[in-house]
Amino acid sequence: MAPIGLILASEYKLRSRGIGEAIGGGVDTQILLEIGIYGLVALYLYRKFGIRPPRRVTSVLLVLAWVFALYVAMSVLWTPYPQFAAVRAAQLLVTASVCQVVASRATREDMHRLAHVFIGLVVVSVGIGVAMPLPRTPNTQDRFNWLYVHPVTAGIFLGIALLLAFAFLLPGGPPRLWRKSFYVVALVVTGGALVATGTRGAAAGCVVGLAVLLLCSRGPRGRAELLLFALPLGALAALAFSEEIIGFATRGESAEQLESLNSRTDLWTLALDATMKQPIFGNGASSARGLFLEQIGLGGGHNAFVNVIVEGGAVGLVAFSLLCFVTMTFQLSLTRIKEVRAEAALLLSLMAFLLVDAMTADMMAASANVASIWLFLIVAWTCVVSGKPVQRHKRHGDDQVPVATVS
């Protein structure tokens, strides 16, 4: 349950800080607790697994995950915010270490249990948000969240949980650990809460993720069902609720706000200027937040690819893009194998969700947040599904007899 601990430490806050305090603010109890939990996870991994050999052959996905994480850590050497960046880089390396252990030692059953824990966590969180609404900023006054989790972040939690619940509910999906009614309740709760957050990127990502899941989870039969039933029903629903959909998409914003995507286009213009100054290696880890705060008052690139090219330059963009592309290629190839098709389709849908959401949110390419941690978890889960056990040998006289390690 180490990944859940990292997610809770990174996102569940009992206080709110101003946007500028992320870079220049002081260290408080909440931050010390977050760093302490990451430290405990790192200590646990070292004491529990040390440098023991892996149970599975190392996948190229794991190598790419480490390449990206190590490059981000190395970019601390030239960032204008070294102290903040060093903490975030260390947290990313701990996340990559968890990914390494999960990818090389976990079973598919372990991943199913983890998914159910996450669904339960999100459903309980929605209950907390309904029962105990806390003060919000003027920009999020009408948007649902819980504790001091930002609605955009809450949308990522809800979208991932919804896709997981839907996958376990589908006929022929991954093995269920709960009754069907529990998954239905989870779908209703997470779907309703996602709409209430007003997070358009997560909602769009969820729609795309559901389409990918339906297309790939049941092979040719699933694609035929989608064309015959899901698309017509979706079109009818869009027509029936057109006003509600338009209201959700516009969120009462002015034409100027919609044209600039809430100042994102202005921010991306600044990002282009910052990239031109350091096109190869970028401005260093966590630099995007500080640079944009100083010039426009918005933290982060509000787009994962913009964020990564500002901070990591062309090298960082290639590393991040390769990780995403190769991961999805692996998952697509696994959907051709009947025994793991449904699980591979779920993982592919989660990647699709994160990438669509990444068009308006930068968390996927950052460190110590739910989107980044789930990116590494998806990589690890893909390795678990596709991995082969390491072949070890025991000596019998002069012969070498291969013995497969049970994973």
Protein backbone atom coordinates (compact mmCIF):
# COMPACT_ATOMS: atom_id res chain seq x y z
CA MET A 1 0.00 0.00 0.00
CA ALA A 2 3.04 2.26 -0.36
CA PRO A 3 1.58 4.00 -3.47
CA ILE A 4 -1.58 4.92 -1.55
CA GLY A 5 0.59 6.37 1.23
CA LEU A 6 2.46 8.53 -1.29
CA ILE A 7 -0.80 9.77 -2.82
CA LEU A 8 -2.28 10.64 0.57
CA ALA A 9 0.89 12.44 1.65
CA SER A 10 1.12 14.41 -1.59
CA GLU A 11 -2.50 15.50 -2.07
CA TYR A 12 -4.53 15.34 1.16
CA LYS A 13 -3.89 18.63 2.92
CA LEU A 14 -5.49 20.03 6.04
CA ARG A 15 -4.59 23.62 5.19
CA SER A 16 -4.47 25.88 2.14
CA ARG A 17 -1.43 27.87 1.02
CA GLY A 18 -1.24 30.74 -1.45
CA ILE A 19 -0.11 29.87 -4.95
CA GLY A 20 3.17 31.73 -4.51
CA GLU A 21 4.08 29.89 -1.32
CA ALA A 22 4.78 26.65 -3.20
CA ILE A 23 8.15 28.08 -4.25
CA GLY A 24 9.00 30.67 -1.62
CA GLY A 25 6.85 29.70 1.34
CA GLY A 26 8.26 28.38 4.56
CA VAL A 27 8.23 24.80 5.75
CA ASP A 28 5.27 23.88 7.94
CA THR A 29 4.08 20.72 9.70
CA GLN A 30 2.15 19.53 6.65
CA ILE A 31 5.22 19.71 4.43
CA LEU A 32 7.40 17.98 7.01
CA LEU A 33 4.79 15.20 7.29
CA GLU A 34 4.73 14.76 3.50
CA ILE A 35 8.53 14.57 3.29
CA GLY A 36 8.60 12.24 6.28
CA ILE A 37 6.15 9.79 4.67
CA TYR A 38 8.22 9.70 1.48
CA GLY A 39 11.28 9.07 3.63
CA LEU A 40 9.57 6.23 5.48
CA VAL A 41 8.54 4.62 2.19
CA ALA A 42 12.12 4.85 0.92
CA LEU A 43 13.40 3.31 4.18
CA TYR A 44 10.81 0.53 3.97
CA LEU A 45 11.82 -0.31 0.39
CA TYR A 46 15.47 -0.47 1.40
CA ARG A 47 14.90 -2.60 4.50
CA LYS A 48 12.38 -4.92 2.84
CA PHE A 49 13.97 -5.46 -0.57
CA GLY A 50 17.48 -4.01 -0.44
CA ILE A 51 19.36 -4.99 -3.58
CA ARG A 52 17.71 -8.37 -4.05
CA PRO A 53 17.45 -9.61 -7.63
CA PRO A 54 14.10 -9.00 -9.38
CA ARG A 55 11.57 -11.76 -9.94
CA ARG A 56 10.88 -10.61 -13.49
CA VAL A 57 13.01 -9.68 -16.47
CA THR A 58 13.46 -5.90 -16.50
CA SER A 59 11.20 -4.30 -19.07
CA VAL A 60 12.13 -1.46 -21.37
CA LEU A 61 9.22 0.43 -19.78
CA LEU A 62 10.98 0.36 -16.43
CA VAL A 63 14.19 1.59 -18.04
CA LEU A 64 12.34 4.51 -19.66
CA ALA A 65 10.66 5.38 -16.36
CA TRP A 66 14.04 5.56 -14.66
CA VAL A 67 15.54 7.58 -17.53
CA PHE A 68 12.84 10.21 -17.11
CA ALA A 69 13.06 10.27 -13.30
CA LEU A 70 16.86 10.45 -13.26
CA TYR A 71 16.93 13.22 -15.86
CA VAL A 72 14.48 15.27 -13.79
CA ALA A 73 16.69 14.70 -10.74
CA MET A 74 19.81 15.72 -12.67
CA SER A 75 18.16 18.94 -13.84
CA VAL A 76 18.19 20.16 -10.22
CA LEU A 77 21.79 21.16 -10.96
CA TRP A 78 20.70 24.04 -13.21
CA THR A 79 17.26 25.04 -11.90
CA PRO A 80 16.77 28.57 -10.48
CA TYR A 81 14.87 27.02 -7.53
CA PRO A 82 17.26 24.33 -6.28
CA GLN A 83 15.84 23.76 -2.78
CA PHE A 84 12.24 23.21 -3.87
CA ALA A 85 13.37 21.22 -6.93
CA ALA A 86 15.64 18.95 -4.87
CA VAL A 87 12.71 17.92 -2.64
CA ARG A 88 10.47 17.23 -5.63
CA ALA A 89 13.20 15.32 -7.43
CA ALA A 90 13.81 13.15 -4.37
CA GLN A 91 10.08 12.42 -4.18
CA LEU A 92 10.05 11.45 -7.86
CA LEU A 93 12.95 9.04 -7.28
CA VAL A 94 11.05 7.44 -4.39
CA THR A 95 8.03 7.08 -6.70
CA ALA A 96 10.25 5.44 -9.33
CA SER A 97 11.63 3.09 -6.67
CA VAL A 98 8.11 2.03 -5.74
CA CYS A 99 7.44 1.49 -9.44
CA GLN A 100 10.56 -0.71 -9.64
CA VAL A 101 9.49 -2.90 -6.74
CA VAL A 102 5.90 -3.21 -7.96
CA ALA A 103 6.98 -3.99 -11.53
CA SER A 104 9.47 -6.66 -10.47
CA ARG A 105 7.65 -8.30 -7.54
CA ALA A 106 3.90 -7.62 -7.46
CA THR A 107 1.28 -9.97 -8.87
CA ARG A 108 -1.82 -9.10 -10.87
CA GLU A 109 -3.89 -9.86 -7.77
CA ASP A 110 -1.84 -7.28 -5.85
CA MET A 111 -2.67 -4.67 -8.49
CA HIS A 112 -6.37 -5.54 -8.36
CA ARG A 113 -6.37 -5.05 -4.58
CA LEU A 114 -4.57 -1.73 -4.97
CA ALA A 115 -7.17 -0.58 -7.51
CA HIS A 116 -10.01 -1.46 -5.12
CA VAL A 117 -8.34 0.40 -2.25
CA PHE A 118 -8.06 3.45 -4.48
CA ILE A 119 -11.74 3.25 -5.50
CA GLY A 120 -12.73 2.98 -1.83
CA LEU A 121 -10.48 5.92 -0.92
CA VAL A 122 -12.08 8.16 -3.55
CA VAL A 123 -15.65 7.19 -2.60
CA VAL A 124 -14.91 7.92 1.08
CA SER A 125 -13.26 11.20 0.06
CA VAL A 126 -16.42 12.27 -1.79
CA GLY A 127 -18.37 11.54 1.39
CA ILE A 128 -15.96 13.73 3.35
CA GLY A 129 -16.39 16.53 0.81
CA VAL A 130 -20.18 16.37 1.10
CA ALA A 131 -20.27 16.08 4.89
CA MET A 132 -17.50 18.54 5.69
CA PRO A 133 -17.11 21.30 3.07
CA LEU A 134 -14.15 23.53 3.89
CA PRO A 135 -13.53 27.16 2.86
CA ARG A 136 -12.65 27.57 -0.83
CA THR A 137 -10.93 30.18 -2.95
CA PRO A 138 -13.08 32.58 -5.04
CA ASN A 139 -12.15 30.68 -8.22
CA THR A 140 -13.36 27.33 -6.84
CA GLN A 141 -16.36 28.53 -4.87
CA ASP A 142 -18.91 26.63 -6.98
CA ARG A 143 -16.77 23.54 -7.68
CA PHE A 144 -16.83 20.37 -5.60
CA ASN A 145 -13.76 19.11 -3.75
CA TRP A 146 -12.80 17.61 -0.41
CA LEU A 147 -10.48 18.87 2.30
CA TYR A 148 -8.09 21.27 0.53
CA VAL A 149 -7.68 19.18 -2.61
CA HIS A 150 -8.03 21.43 -5.65
CA PRO A 151 -11.01 20.61 -7.94
CA VAL A 152 -8.62 19.90 -10.84
CA THR A 153 -6.77 17.36 -8.70
CA ALA A 154 -10.06 15.97 -7.40
CA GLY A 155 -11.12 15.48 -11.02
CA ILE A 156 -8.06 13.29 -11.64
CA PHE A 157 -8.85 11.17 -8.57
CA LEU A 158 -12.46 10.78 -9.69
CA GLY A 159 -11.67 10.02 -13.32
CA ILE A 160 -9.21 7.26 -12.43
CA ALA A 161 -11.58 5.74 -9.86
CA LEU A 162 -14.49 5.84 -12.33
CA LEU A 163 -12.49 4.02 -15.02
CA LEU A 164 -11.32 1.41 -12.52
CA ALA A 165 -14.85 0.78 -11.24
CA PHE A 166 -16.26 0.58 -14.78
CA ALA A 167 -13.58 -1.90 -15.85
CA PHE A 168 -14.30 -4.24 -12.92
CA LEU A 169 -18.03 -3.98 -13.61
CA LEU A 170 -17.74 -4.89 -17.31
CA PRO A 171 -18.53 -8.52 -18.27
CA GLY A 172 -15.24 -10.32 -18.77
CA GLY A 173 -13.31 -7.58 -16.97
CA PRO A 174 -10.65 -8.08 -14.28
CA PRO A 175 -11.74 -10.27 -11.34
CA ARG A 176 -14.17 -8.55 -8.97
CA LEU A 177 -13.52 -8.38 -5.24
CA TRP A 178 -16.88 -6.75 -4.40
CA ARG A 179 -20.50 -7.29 -5.32
CA LYS A 180 -21.73 -5.67 -8.53
CA SER A 181 -23.85 -3.21 -6.59
CA PHE A 182 -20.74 -1.73 -4.96
CA TYR A 183 -19.22 -0.91 -8.37
CA VAL A 184 -22.51 0.65 -9.49
CA VAL A 185 -22.53 2.84 -6.38
CA ALA A 186 -18.90 3.79 -7.01
CA LEU A 187 -19.74 4.75 -10.61
CA VAL A 188 -22.66 6.93 -9.54
CA VAL A 189 -20.69 8.63 -6.76
CA THR A 190 -17.54 9.29 -8.78
CA GLY A 191 -19.45 10.31 -11.91
CA GLY A 192 -21.65 12.77 -10.05
CA ALA A 193 -18.72 14.21 -8.13
CA LEU A 194 -16.66 14.56 -11.33
CA VAL A 195 -19.39 16.67 -12.91
CA ALA A 196 -19.63 18.71 -9.70
CA THR A 197 -15.90 19.54 -9.78
CA GLY A 198 -16.39 21.37 -13.09
CA THR A 199 -13.04 19.98 -14.26
CA ARG A 200 -13.37 19.88 -18.03
CA GLY A 201 -10.03 18.26 -18.75
CA ALA A 202 -10.75 15.32 -16.45
CA ALA A 203 -14.28 14.96 -17.82
CA ALA A 204 -13.02 14.89 -21.42
CA GLY A 205 -10.29 12.44 -20.42
CA CYS A 206 -12.88 10.21 -18.78
CA VAL A 207 -15.02 10.14 -21.93
CA VAL A 208 -12.00 9.23 -24.06
CA GLY A 209 -10.87 6.64 -21.48
CA LEU A 210 -14.29 4.98 -21.45
CA ALA A 211 -14.31 4.84 -25.26
CA VAL A 212 -10.85 3.24 -25.31
CA LEU A 213 -11.90 0.75 -22.63
CA LEU A 214 -15.04 -0.27 -24.54
CA LEU A 215 -13.15 -0.50 -27.83
CA CYS A 216 -10.32 -2.67 -26.56
CA SER A 217 -11.61 -4.71 -23.61
CA ARG A 218 -13.67 -7.25 -25.57
CA GLY A 219 -11.86 -7.45 -28.88
CA PRO A 220 -13.81 -7.26 -32.17
CA ARG A 221 -17.06 -8.00 -30.34
CA GLY A 222 -16.58 -5.02 -28.06
CA ARG A 223 -15.89 -2.73 -31.01
CA ALA A 224 -19.06 -3.91 -32.73
CA GLU A 225 -21.07 -3.33 -29.54
CA LEU A 226 -19.65 0.18 -29.24
CA LEU A 227 -20.62 1.03 -32.82
CA LEU A 228 -24.10 -0.52 -32.53
CA PHE A 229 -25.12 0.62 -29.05
CA ALA A 230 -22.77 2.99 -27.25
CA LEU A 231 -22.31 5.58 -30.01
CA PRO A 232 -26.05 5.99 -30.77
CA LEU A 233 -26.85 6.17 -27.04
CA GLY A 234 -24.07 8.71 -26.56
CA ALA A 235 -25.41 10.83 -29.41
CA LEU A 236 -28.93 10.73 -27.96
CA ALA A 237 -27.62 11.67 -24.52
CA ALA A 238 -25.67 14.58 -26.02
CA LEU A 239 -28.82 15.86 -27.72
CA ALA A 240 -31.00 15.38 -24.65
CA PHE A 241 -28.60 17.14 -22.29
CA SER A 242 -27.06 19.61 -24.74
CA GLU A 243 -27.76 22.65 -22.54
CA GLU A 244 -26.22 20.98 -19.48
CA ILE A 245 -23.16 19.91 -21.49
CA ILE A 246 -22.68 23.41 -22.91
CA GLY A 247 -23.08 24.88 -19.42
CA PHE A 248 -20.47 22.48 -18.05
CA ALA A 249 -18.07 23.25 -20.91
CA THR A 250 -18.39 27.03 -20.66
CA ARG A 251 -18.76 27.14 -16.86
CA GLY A 252 -20.22 30.64 -17.07
CA GLU A 253 -16.99 32.14 -18.38
CA SER A 254 -16.73 35.07 -20.74
CA ALA A 255 -15.77 34.76 -24.42
CA GLU A 256 -12.34 36.22 -23.66
CA GLN A 257 -11.72 33.61 -20.96
CA LEU A 258 -12.82 30.79 -23.25
CA GLU A 259 -10.65 32.04 -26.12
CA SER A 260 -7.57 32.16 -23.90
CA LEU A 261 -8.47 28.89 -22.11
CA ASN A 262 -8.41 30.79 -18.79
CA SER A 263 -5.13 32.57 -19.65
CA ARG A 264 -3.46 29.30 -20.69
CA THR A 265 -2.65 30.58 -24.18
CA ASP A 266 -0.85 33.59 -22.64
CA LEU A 267 1.02 31.24 -20.36
CA TRP A 268 2.00 28.98 -23.26
CA THR A 269 3.39 32.00 -25.13
CA LEU A 270 5.64 32.67 -22.15
CA ALA A 271 6.54 28.98 -22.14
CA LEU A 272 7.72 29.23 -25.73
CA ASP A 273 9.97 32.17 -24.83
CA ALA A 274 11.41 30.27 -21.84
CA THR A 275 12.01 27.21 -24.00
CA MET A 276 13.87 29.21 -26.64
CA LYS A 277 16.34 30.37 -23.99
CA GLN A 278 17.19 26.79 -22.94
CA PRO A 279 15.97 24.56 -25.80
CA ILE A 280 18.10 21.47 -25.23
CA PHE A 281 18.21 20.83 -21.48
CA GLY A 282 15.48 23.20 -20.29
CA ASN A 283 15.40 25.48 -17.26
CA GLY A 284 15.59 22.71 -14.66
CA ALA A 285 13.21 20.84 -12.40
CA SER A 286 10.25 22.80 -10.96
CA SER A 287 11.32 25.94 -12.83
CA ALA A 288 8.01 26.28 -14.72
CA ARG A 289 6.04 27.03 -11.57
CA GLY A 290 8.42 29.77 -10.43
CA LEU A 291 8.93 31.33 -13.86
CA PHE A 292 5.22 31.58 -14.59
CA LEU A 293 4.37 32.81 -11.10
CA GLU A 294 6.78 35.69 -11.53
CA GLN A 295 5.51 36.71 -14.97
CA ILE A 296 1.78 35.92 -15.07
CA GLY A 297 0.75 34.80 -11.58
CA LEU A 298 -0.07 31.21 -12.59
CA GLY A 299 1.96 28.27 -11.28
CA GLY A 300 3.00 25.47 -13.62
CA GLY A 301 2.57 25.05 -17.36
CA HIS A 302 -1.10 23.93 -17.21
CA ASN A 303 -0.11 21.38 -19.85
CA ALA A 304 2.13 18.40 -19.16
CA PHE A 305 4.07 18.67 -22.42
CA VAL A 306 4.54 22.42 -22.06
CA ASN A 307 5.71 21.87 -18.49
CA VAL A 308 8.21 19.19 -19.40
CA ILE A 309 9.73 21.09 -22.33
CA VAL A 310 10.17 24.25 -20.21
CA GLU A 311 11.82 22.31 -17.40
CA GLY A 312 13.60 19.55 -19.33
CA GLY A 313 14.00 20.98 -22.82
CA ALA A 314 14.07 18.74 -25.87
CA VAL A 315 15.81 15.97 -23.93
CA GLY A 316 13.14 15.92 -21.23
CA LEU A 317 10.32 16.05 -23.79
CA VAL A 318 11.76 13.08 -25.69
CA ALA A 319 12.19 11.08 -22.46
CA PHE A 320 8.64 11.79 -21.29
CA SER A 321 7.04 11.23 -24.71
CA LEU A 322 8.92 7.97 -25.22
CA LEU A 323 7.76 6.70 -21.83
CA CYS A 324 4.11 7.44 -22.69
CA PHE A 325 4.29 6.16 -26.29
CA VAL A 326 6.09 2.91 -25.53
CA THR A 327 3.83 2.22 -22.54
CA MET A 328 0.71 2.59 -24.68
CA THR A 329 2.27 0.49 -27.46
CA PHE A 330 2.89 -2.32 -24.97
CA GLN A 331 -0.67 -2.05 -23.67
CA LEU A 332 -2.15 -2.09 -27.18
CA SER A 333 -0.17 -5.22 -28.04
CA LEU A 334 -1.39 -6.89 -24.84
CA THR A 335 -5.03 -6.33 -25.83
CA ARG A 336 -4.47 -8.98 -28.51
CA ILE A 337 -3.89 -11.61 -25.82
CA LYS A 338 -7.27 -12.89 -24.65
CA GLU A 339 -6.15 -13.78 -21.10
CA VAL A 340 -5.03 -10.23 -20.28
CA ARG A 341 -7.07 -8.22 -22.81
CA ALA A 342 -9.45 -6.63 -20.30
CA GLU A 343 -6.65 -5.61 -17.96
CA ALA A 344 -4.54 -4.21 -20.79
CA ALA A 345 -7.55 -2.25 -22.06
CA LEU A 346 -8.01 -0.78 -18.57
CA LEU A 347 -4.38 0.33 -18.45
CA LEU A 348 -4.63 1.80 -21.95
CA SER A 349 -7.77 3.71 -20.94
CA LEU A 350 -6.01 5.11 -17.86
CA MET A 351 -3.13 6.33 -20.02
CA ALA A 352 -5.60 7.90 -22.45
CA PHE A 353 -7.34 9.64 -19.54
CA LEU A 354 -4.10 11.05 -18.15
CA LEU A 355 -2.91 12.28 -21.55
CA VAL A 356 -6.19 14.06 -22.38
CA ASP A 357 -6.27 15.62 -18.91
CA ALA A 358 -2.60 16.59 -19.43
CA MET A 359 -3.66 19.01 -22.19
CA THR A 360 -4.94 21.45 -19.54
CA ALA A 361 -3.14 20.26 -16.38
CA ASP A 362 0.58 19.76 -15.85
CA MET A 363 0.57 17.26 -12.96
CA MET A 364 1.31 14.17 -15.07
CA ALA A 365 4.79 15.48 -15.90
CA ALA A 366 5.47 16.90 -12.43
CA SER A 367 6.36 15.15 -9.16
CA ALA A 368 4.56 14.14 -5.97
CA ASN A 369 0.95 14.23 -7.14
CA VAL A 370 -1.77 11.71 -7.98
CA ALA A 371 -1.32 11.92 -11.78
CA SER A 372 2.45 11.43 -11.65
CA ILE A 373 2.23 8.56 -9.16
CA TRP A 374 -0.45 6.86 -11.27
CA LEU A 375 1.70 7.24 -14.39
CA PHE A 376 4.42 5.22 -12.67
CA LEU A 377 1.85 2.77 -11.29
CA ILE A 378 0.45 2.21 -14.79
CA VAL A 379 3.98 1.53 -16.06
CA ALA A 380 4.55 -0.95 -13.22
CA TRP A 381 1.15 -2.62 -13.72
CA THR A 382 1.90 -3.01 -17.44
CA CYS A 383 5.19 -4.68 -16.53
CA VAL A 384 3.34 -7.02 -14.16
CA VAL A 385 0.87 -8.04 -16.87
CA SER A 386 3.49 -8.50 -19.58
CA GLY A 387 6.48 -9.59 -17.49
CA LYS A 388 8.24 -12.94 -17.67
CA PRO A 389 9.81 -14.56 -14.57
CA VAL A 390 13.59 -14.49 -14.30
CA GLN A 391 15.11 -17.87 -15.11
CA ARG A 392 17.50 -18.95 -12.38
CA HIS A 393 19.68 -22.04 -12.37
CA LYS A 394 20.49 -24.68 -9.83
CA ARG A 395 23.53 -26.82 -10.32
CA HIS A 396 22.99 -30.60 -10.40
CA GLY A 397 26.36 -32.18 -10.92
CA ASP A 398 27.70 -30.63 -14.09
CA ASP A 399 24.28 -29.68 -15.54
CA GLN A 400 22.50 -26.33 -15.39
CA VAL A 401 18.75 -26.76 -14.82
CA PRO A 402 16.62 -23.63 -15.27
CA VAL A 403 14.14 -22.99 -12.49
CA ALA A 404 11.51 -20.27 -12.99
CA THR A 405 10.98 -18.05 -9.99
CA VAL A 406 7.31 -17.85 -9.02
CA SER A 407 6.09 -14.26 -9.15
